[in-house]
């Protein structure tokens, strides 16, 4: 028996994940160029999603000697990862382009999957252009868009907002050691500096996923973030140059979902929800690599779909 998603009653959806102009995307641009899949192909493991979660899973699998390929429906770099308020996505030891050249990792973007069939012996994917991909295992690293593949509610979606200042002159620190500052009040506020002498502010979450409403709120949210910043640092002039908003997800117990989802044979999920999403992505890469290579991981049960109180 095959378990499938296709264009009909269970249409695979692409979400609108970002508003505005994320600072990292403007500053660094699209990191690398990847081809669009134009022929049918196969691998032992297919990773669907080329953001931080998919990249880390690919990194760990490649280093474990696993034959894998990575696909993304968007141009890689235009998903939720570029809306992060951290630089970690540009600090991976070996980026996808070097893995591709070093060990032959196949990476394809602008490759939208329209149908997924899970079988007892593997998984078959069909793209919007009719290409067929076959694998023994499929890793879902599509984060918020992955909720459509699970038949129960696993995450509550929110909108979160951020802005980044103009570049400052001089080399003096903005505050003591330029540490990351996090105000845990509700609503929370956090502040950090960048390598090119800017200040980044984030917060102002709203409990909805609505791209149009998120767009409309962005200018007012930026003004509020700057006002809150000036309450803490009244002597620092802050002029916003970049502002953006994105999707943020929280689970009932604050933990991500990592591992097998039994209702979809041969599926593995790397869903780093929460404010520690990038850290959870690294944990997911380690756990999924152990599962695929047959090694025991003592943390697997902590993040599983079957954990107590998670669903």
Protein backbone atom coordinates (compact mmCIF):
# COMPACT_ATOMS: atom_id res chain seq x y z
CA UNK A 1 0.00 0.00 0.00
CA UNK A 2 1.26 3.49 -0.87
CA UNK A 3 0.65 6.60 1.21
CA UNK A 4 0.64 9.65 -1.03
CA UNK A 5 0.16 13.38 -1.27
CA UNK A 6 -0.82 14.80 -4.65
CA UNK A 7 -2.68 17.61 -6.41
CA UNK A 8 -6.30 16.95 -5.47
CA UNK A 9 -7.87 16.82 -2.03
CA UNK A 10 -4.40 16.89 -0.41
CA UNK A 11 -2.60 19.53 -2.45
CA UNK A 12 1.00 20.22 -1.44
CA UNK A 13 1.16 23.88 -0.44
CA UNK A 14 3.97 26.41 -0.50
CA UNK A 15 3.73 28.99 2.28
CA UNK A 16 4.45 32.71 2.19
CA UNK A 17 7.17 32.81 4.84
CA UNK A 18 8.64 36.33 4.75
CA UNK A 19 7.75 40.01 4.57
CA UNK A 20 10.11 42.94 3.96
CA UNK A 21 13.84 42.76 3.30
CA UNK A 22 15.85 40.45 5.60
CA UNK A 23 19.22 41.96 6.36
CA UNK A 24 21.24 38.80 5.72
CA UNK A 25 19.70 38.29 2.28
CA UNK A 26 20.41 41.87 1.22
CA UNK A 27 23.93 41.87 2.65
CA UNK A 28 25.11 38.47 1.44
CA UNK A 29 22.78 37.79 -1.47
CA UNK A 30 22.03 34.27 -2.62
CA UNK A 31 24.99 32.22 -1.39
CA UNK A 32 25.37 29.87 -4.36
CA UNK A 33 23.80 28.75 -7.62
CA UNK A 34 22.21 25.33 -8.00
CA UNK A 35 20.54 23.70 -10.99
CA UNK A 36 16.88 22.86 -11.38
CA UNK A 37 16.16 19.12 -11.62
CA UNK A 38 15.43 18.22 -15.24
CA UNK A 39 15.54 14.40 -15.21
CA UNK A 40 14.50 11.52 -12.99
CA UNK A 41 17.03 10.51 -10.36
CA UNK A 42 17.45 8.44 -7.21
CA UNK A 43 19.48 8.22 -4.00
CA UNK A 44 19.52 6.27 -0.76
CA UNK A 45 18.20 9.35 1.06
CA UNK A 46 16.42 12.41 -0.32
CA UNK A 47 16.38 15.56 1.80
CA UNK A 48 13.47 17.86 1.01
CA UNK A 49 14.29 21.40 2.12
CA UNK A 50 17.51 23.39 1.64
CA UNK A 51 17.42 25.73 4.65
CA UNK A 52 19.53 25.35 7.76
CA UNK A 53 17.86 22.06 8.77
CA UNK A 54 18.29 20.41 5.38
CA UNK A 55 21.84 21.71 5.01
CA UNK A 56 22.90 20.31 8.39
CA UNK A 57 21.26 16.95 7.72
CA UNK A 58 23.07 16.78 4.37
CA UNK A 59 26.37 17.72 6.04
CA UNK A 60 26.10 14.94 8.61
CA UNK A 61 24.88 12.30 6.15
CA UNK A 62 27.61 13.08 3.64
CA UNK A 63 30.27 12.82 6.33
CA UNK A 64 28.76 9.48 7.37
CA UNK A 65 29.16 8.20 3.81
CA UNK A 66 25.43 8.14 2.98
CA UNK A 67 24.42 8.59 -0.66
CA UNK A 68 21.95 11.48 -0.55
CA UNK A 69 20.59 14.35 -2.59
CA UNK A 70 18.87 17.58 -1.56
CA UNK A 71 15.99 19.37 -3.25
CA UNK A 72 14.13 22.60 -2.54
CA UNK A 73 11.02 24.05 -4.15
CA UNK A 74 12.43 27.58 -3.90
CA UNK A 75 15.76 29.06 -4.83
CA UNK A 76 17.96 28.00 -1.92
CA UNK A 77 18.34 30.94 0.44
CA UNK A 78 14.83 32.34 0.02
CA UNK A 79 13.01 30.32 2.69
CA UNK A 80 12.58 30.99 6.39
CA UNK A 81 16.31 30.59 7.19
CA UNK A 82 17.20 33.94 5.61
CA UNK A 83 14.70 35.59 7.95
CA UNK A 84 16.61 34.41 11.01
CA UNK A 85 18.20 36.99 13.29
CA UNK A 86 21.39 34.92 13.51
CA UNK A 87 24.38 34.57 11.19
CA UNK A 88 24.68 30.84 11.83
CA UNK A 89 23.44 29.93 8.38
CA UNK A 90 26.61 31.47 6.96
CA UNK A 91 28.93 29.86 9.50
CA UNK A 92 28.55 26.16 8.68
CA UNK A 93 31.98 24.53 8.44
CA UNK A 94 31.26 23.13 4.97
CA UNK A 95 28.45 24.82 2.98
CA UNK A 96 26.33 22.90 0.50
CA UNK A 97 28.33 24.10 -2.51
CA UNK A 98 31.57 22.67 -1.08
CA UNK A 99 29.89 19.40 -0.09
CA UNK A 100 28.62 19.24 -3.65
CA UNK A 101 32.13 19.67 -5.09
CA UNK A 102 33.91 17.62 -2.42
CA UNK A 103 31.86 14.44 -2.27
CA UNK A 104 29.33 14.69 -5.08
CA UNK A 105 26.28 15.77 -3.08
CA UNK A 106 23.55 16.54 -5.60
CA UNK A 107 21.64 19.75 -4.84
CA UNK A 108 18.68 20.99 -6.86
CA UNK A 109 16.57 24.05 -6.15
CA UNK A 110 13.45 25.42 -7.87
CA UNK A 111 12.36 21.76 -7.84
CA UNK A 112 8.81 21.72 -6.54
CA UNK A 113 7.45 18.35 -5.42
CA UNK A 114 3.77 17.84 -6.28
CA UNK A 115 3.26 14.23 -5.23
CA UNK A 116 4.83 12.01 -2.57
CA UNK A 117 4.21 8.27 -2.28
CA UNK A 118 5.42 6.37 0.78
CA UNK A 119 5.88 2.61 0.33
CA UNK A 120 7.10 -0.13 2.62
CA UNK A 121 10.32 -0.31 0.62
CA UNK A 122 10.92 3.36 -0.08
CA UNK A 123 9.54 6.69 -1.23
CA UNK A 124 8.69 8.08 -4.68
CA UNK A 125 8.43 11.80 -5.38
CA UNK A 126 7.06 13.45 -8.52
CA UNK A 127 8.00 17.04 -9.34
CA UNK A 128 5.84 19.69 -10.97
CA UNK A 129 7.69 19.05 -14.24
CA UNK A 130 7.13 15.28 -14.11
CA UNK A 131 10.56 14.14 -12.92
CA UNK A 132 10.58 11.07 -10.66
CA UNK A 133 12.81 10.77 -7.61
CA UNK A 134 13.16 7.50 -5.71
CA UNK A 135 14.84 6.83 -2.37
CA UNK A 136 14.93 4.45 0.56
CA UNK A 137 14.26 7.29 3.00
CA UNK A 138 12.82 10.80 2.72
CA UNK A 139 13.84 13.52 5.16
CA UNK A 140 11.28 16.29 5.57
CA UNK A 141 13.28 19.43 6.38
CA UNK A 142 10.62 21.87 5.23
CA UNK A 143 9.87 23.13 8.74
CA UNK A 144 6.54 25.01 8.81
CA UNK A 145 5.38 23.60 5.50
CA UNK A 146 5.80 20.10 6.90
CA UNK A 147 2.66 20.46 9.01
CA UNK A 148 0.56 19.49 5.97
CA UNK A 149 2.07 16.00 6.01
CA UNK A 150 1.10 15.24 9.61
CA UNK A 151 -2.53 14.43 10.39
CA UNK A 152 -2.52 16.13 13.82
CA UNK A 153 -1.75 19.69 14.87
CA UNK A 154 1.88 19.77 15.95
CA UNK A 155 2.69 23.49 15.95
CA UNK A 156 1.05 26.86 16.44
CA UNK A 157 2.21 29.45 13.90
CA UNK A 158 3.01 33.04 14.83
CA UNK A 159 4.44 36.09 13.08
CA UNK A 160 7.64 37.66 14.38
CA UNK A 161 9.31 40.96 13.46
CA UNK A 162 12.83 42.38 13.23
CA UNK A 163 14.77 45.41 12.06
CA UNK A 164 18.42 46.29 11.56
CA UNK A 165 20.05 49.70 11.92
CA UNK A 166 22.33 51.68 9.67
CA UNK A 167 26.02 50.88 9.93
CA UNK A 168 27.79 52.77 12.72
CA UNK A 169 31.12 54.56 12.42
CA UNK A 170 34.04 53.74 14.67
CA UNK A 171 35.00 50.51 16.37
CA UNK A 172 33.76 51.07 19.90
CA UNK A 173 31.31 48.54 21.33
CA UNK A 174 27.64 49.46 21.45
CA UNK A 175 27.32 48.09 25.00
CA UNK A 176 29.25 45.84 27.37
CA UNK A 177 31.08 43.27 25.19
CA UNK A 178 28.26 43.57 22.62
CA UNK A 179 26.57 40.58 24.24
CA UNK A 180 23.23 39.29 23.02
CA UNK A 181 20.51 40.89 25.16
CA UNK A 182 17.22 39.11 25.70
CA UNK A 183 14.33 40.60 27.67
CA UNK A 184 12.12 37.66 28.56
CA UNK A 185 9.04 39.78 29.30
CA UNK A 186 5.86 39.24 27.28
CA UNK A 187 6.17 40.50 24.59
CA UNK A 188 9.89 39.76 24.60
CA UNK A 189 12.62 41.91 23.06
CA UNK A 190 16.11 40.94 22.02
CA UNK A 191 19.05 42.90 20.66
CA UNK A 192 22.35 41.98 19.10
CA UNK A 193 25.11 43.52 17.02
CA UNK A 194 26.46 42.41 13.65
CA UNK A 195 29.99 42.15 12.34
CA UNK A 196 29.56 45.26 10.19
CA UNK A 197 28.61 47.49 13.14
CA UNK A 198 24.84 47.36 13.00
CA UNK A 199 22.28 46.70 15.73
CA UNK A 200 19.52 44.18 15.18
CA UNK A 201 16.28 44.17 17.20
CA UNK A 202 13.66 41.43 17.22
CA UNK A 203 10.36 40.63 18.89
CA UNK A 204 6.77 41.82 18.81
CA UNK A 205 5.31 38.39 18.01
CA UNK A 206 1.69 38.07 16.96
CA UNK A 207 -0.36 34.89 17.33
CA UNK A 208 -1.35 34.41 13.70
CA UNK A 209 -0.13 33.29 10.30
CA UNK A 210 -1.51 35.74 7.78
CA UNK A 211 0.95 37.15 5.23
CA UNK A 212 -1.24 40.13 4.30
CA UNK A 213 -1.84 41.15 7.89
CA UNK A 214 1.84 40.58 8.67
CA UNK A 215 2.83 42.95 5.85
CA UNK A 216 0.47 45.64 7.09
CA UNK A 217 1.78 45.44 10.65
CA UNK A 218 5.48 45.62 9.76
CA UNK A 219 5.97 49.45 9.71
CA UNK A 220 4.22 49.89 13.06
CA UNK A 221 6.10 46.98 14.59
CA UNK A 222 9.43 48.52 13.54
CA UNK A 223 8.52 51.80 15.25
CA UNK A 224 7.59 49.90 18.42
CA UNK A 225 10.84 47.90 18.38
CA UNK A 226 12.89 51.07 18.02
CA UNK A 227 10.93 52.76 20.82
CA UNK A 228 11.53 49.79 23.12
CA UNK A 229 15.22 49.81 22.21
CA UNK A 230 15.50 53.51 23.05
CA UNK A 231 14.04 52.85 26.48
CA UNK A 232 17.00 50.57 27.19
CA UNK A 233 19.66 52.62 25.36
CA UNK A 234 18.45 56.23 25.14
CA UNK A 235 21.96 57.41 24.24
CA UNK A 236 22.24 55.22 21.10
CA UNK A 237 20.84 56.62 17.85
CA UNK A 238 18.99 53.87 15.99
CA UNK A 239 17.85 54.45 12.42
CA UNK A 240 16.29 51.34 10.80
CA UNK A 241 17.66 50.43 7.39
CA UNK A 242 16.25 46.91 6.98
CA UNK A 243 13.06 45.44 8.38
CA UNK A 244 11.33 42.13 7.92
CA UNK A 245 8.88 39.66 9.40
CA UNK A 246 8.59 35.91 9.24
CA UNK A 247 6.87 32.80 10.48
CA UNK A 248 7.61 31.45 13.94
CA UNK A 249 6.25 28.20 15.37
CA UNK A 250 5.80 26.86 18.89
CA UNK A 251 4.88 23.39 20.11
CA UNK A 252 2.89 22.44 23.21
CA UNK A 253 6.01 21.37 25.12
CA UNK A 254 8.53 23.70 23.51
CA UNK A 255 10.44 20.86 21.79
CA UNK A 256 10.86 20.11 18.09
CA UNK A 257 9.75 16.98 16.25
CA UNK A 258 12.63 14.81 15.06
CA UNK A 259 12.59 11.25 13.76
CA UNK A 260 10.21 8.75 12.21
CA UNK A 261 6.54 9.45 11.62
CA UNK A 262 5.00 5.99 11.60
CA UNK A 263 1.99 6.86 9.44
CA UNK A 264 4.35 7.67 6.55
CA UNK A 265 6.65 4.67 5.98
CA UNK A 266 10.33 5.52 5.49
CA UNK A 267 9.83 9.15 6.47
CA UNK A 268 12.09 11.14 8.78
CA UNK A 269 11.35 14.64 10.03
CA UNK A 270 13.73 17.44 11.02
CA UNK A 271 11.40 20.12 12.35
CA UNK A 272 13.29 22.63 14.47
CA UNK A 273 10.37 24.64 15.84
CA UNK A 274 10.75 27.22 18.58
CA UNK A 275 13.14 30.02 19.43
CA UNK A 276 16.05 27.56 19.41
CA UNK A 277 15.30 26.40 15.88
CA UNK A 278 18.86 26.42 14.55
CA UNK A 279 20.17 24.55 17.60
CA UNK A 280 17.37 22.02 17.19
CA UNK A 281 18.33 21.65 13.52
CA UNK A 282 21.81 20.53 14.57
CA UNK A 283 20.33 18.03 17.03
CA UNK A 284 18.05 16.75 14.24
CA UNK A 285 21.01 16.22 11.92
CA UNK A 286 22.79 14.12 14.53
CA UNK A 287 19.72 12.04 15.44
CA UNK A 288 18.61 11.39 11.85
CA UNK A 289 22.11 10.38 10.81
CA UNK A 290 22.22 7.87 13.65
CA UNK A 291 18.80 6.47 12.66
CA UNK A 292 19.75 6.14 8.99
CA UNK A 293 23.11 4.54 9.74
CA UNK A 294 21.67 2.17 12.35
CA UNK A 295 23.30 3.70 15.41
CA UNK A 296 21.58 4.22 18.74
CA UNK A 297 20.88 7.76 19.84
CA UNK A 298 19.82 8.22 23.45
CA UNK A 299 18.06 11.53 22.67
CA UNK A 300 15.80 10.14 19.96
CA UNK A 301 12.82 9.54 22.27
CA UNK A 302 12.95 13.09 23.68
CA UNK A 303 11.97 14.60 20.33
CA UNK A 304 9.87 11.80 18.84
CA UNK A 305 6.28 12.12 17.63
CA UNK A 306 5.33 9.50 20.25
CA UNK A 307 6.64 11.42 23.27
CA UNK A 308 4.17 12.00 26.06
CA UNK A 309 1.97 15.07 25.73
CA UNK A 310 3.39 16.21 22.40
CA UNK A 311 0.27 15.64 20.26
